[in-house]
């Protein structure tokens, strides 16, 4: 019984370690992408406005799909 619980605990710990490692790799990749984006000049004002408008439309569509009145 104790060995089974120990094996399950070790497997859970190993799984948590794998998930944590994958999350950290993704985080570092995202940071590298943002760093690259900033170094190349980022977005101009017009692109940011368009992106904000797209995000607002997406938010409204998601609210409609969920049946929420705005």
Protein backbone atom coordinates (compact mmCIF):
# COMPACT_ATOMS: atom_id res chain seq x y z
CA UNK A 1 0.00 0.00 0.00
CA UNK A 2 2.76 2.44 0.93
CA UNK A 3 4.77 1.55 -2.18
CA UNK A 4 1.74 2.15 -4.38
CA UNK A 5 1.12 5.55 -2.81
CA UNK A 6 4.79 6.39 -3.18
CA UNK A 7 4.76 5.38 -6.86
CA UNK A 8 1.67 7.50 -7.52
CA UNK A 9 3.23 10.44 -5.69
CA UNK A 10 6.45 10.17 -7.67
CA UNK A 11 4.53 9.91 -10.95
CA UNK A 12 2.48 12.99 -10.03
CA UNK A 13 5.62 14.88 -9.10
CA UNK A 14 7.30 13.89 -12.37
CA UNK A 15 4.21 15.00 -14.31
CA UNK A 16 4.16 18.31 -12.51
CA UNK A 17 7.83 18.79 -13.32
CA UNK A 18 7.23 18.10 -17.00
CA UNK A 19 4.31 20.52 -17.15
CA UNK A 20 6.32 23.19 -15.32
CA UNK A 21 9.26 22.74 -17.69
CA UNK A 22 6.97 23.04 -20.73
CA UNK A 23 5.32 26.17 -19.32
CA UNK A 24 8.70 27.79 -18.67
CA UNK A 25 9.84 26.98 -22.21
CA UNK A 26 6.68 28.55 -23.60
CA UNK A 27 7.14 31.62 -21.39
CA UNK A 28 10.73 32.08 -22.58
CA UNK A 29 9.61 31.69 -26.18
CA UNK A 30 6.91 34.31 -25.72
CA UNK A 31 9.41 36.69 -24.11
CA UNK A 32 11.84 36.16 -26.99
CA UNK A 33 9.06 36.89 -29.47
CA UNK A 34 8.08 40.10 -27.65
CA UNK A 35 11.74 41.15 -27.46
CA UNK A 36 12.10 40.56 -31.20
CA UNK A 37 8.89 42.53 -31.83
CA UNK A 38 10.17 45.49 -29.80
CA UNK A 39 13.57 45.42 -31.50
CA UNK A 40 12.02 45.57 -34.96
CA UNK A 41 9.94 48.59 -34.03
CA UNK A 42 6.72 47.09 -32.73
CA UNK A 43 3.36 48.12 -34.08
CA UNK A 44 2.55 51.57 -35.39
CA UNK A 45 -0.44 53.52 -34.05
CA UNK A 46 -2.75 52.51 -36.92
CA UNK A 47 -2.06 48.83 -36.42
CA UNK A 48 -2.69 49.13 -32.70
CA UNK A 49 -6.04 50.82 -33.31
CA UNK A 50 -7.04 48.09 -35.78
CA UNK A 51 -5.96 45.41 -33.32
CA UNK A 52 -7.98 47.03 -30.53
CA UNK A 53 -11.04 47.21 -32.79
CA UNK A 54 -10.66 43.52 -33.68
CA UNK A 55 -10.38 42.60 -30.02
CA UNK A 56 -13.54 44.58 -29.22
CA UNK A 57 -15.47 42.88 -32.03
CA UNK A 58 -14.26 39.49 -30.81
CA UNK A 59 -15.36 40.31 -27.27
CA UNK A 60 -18.81 41.29 -28.54
CA UNK A 61 -19.11 38.13 -30.64
CA UNK A 62 -18.13 35.98 -27.66
CA UNK A 63 -20.76 37.74 -25.54
CA UNK A 64 -23.40 37.12 -28.21
CA UNK A 65 -22.40 33.47 -28.42
CA UNK A 66 -22.64 33.15 -24.63
CA UNK A 67 -26.05 34.86 -24.65
CA UNK A 68 -24.94 37.85 -22.57
CA UNK A 69 -26.43 41.31 -23.23
CA UNK A 70 -23.91 44.10 -23.41
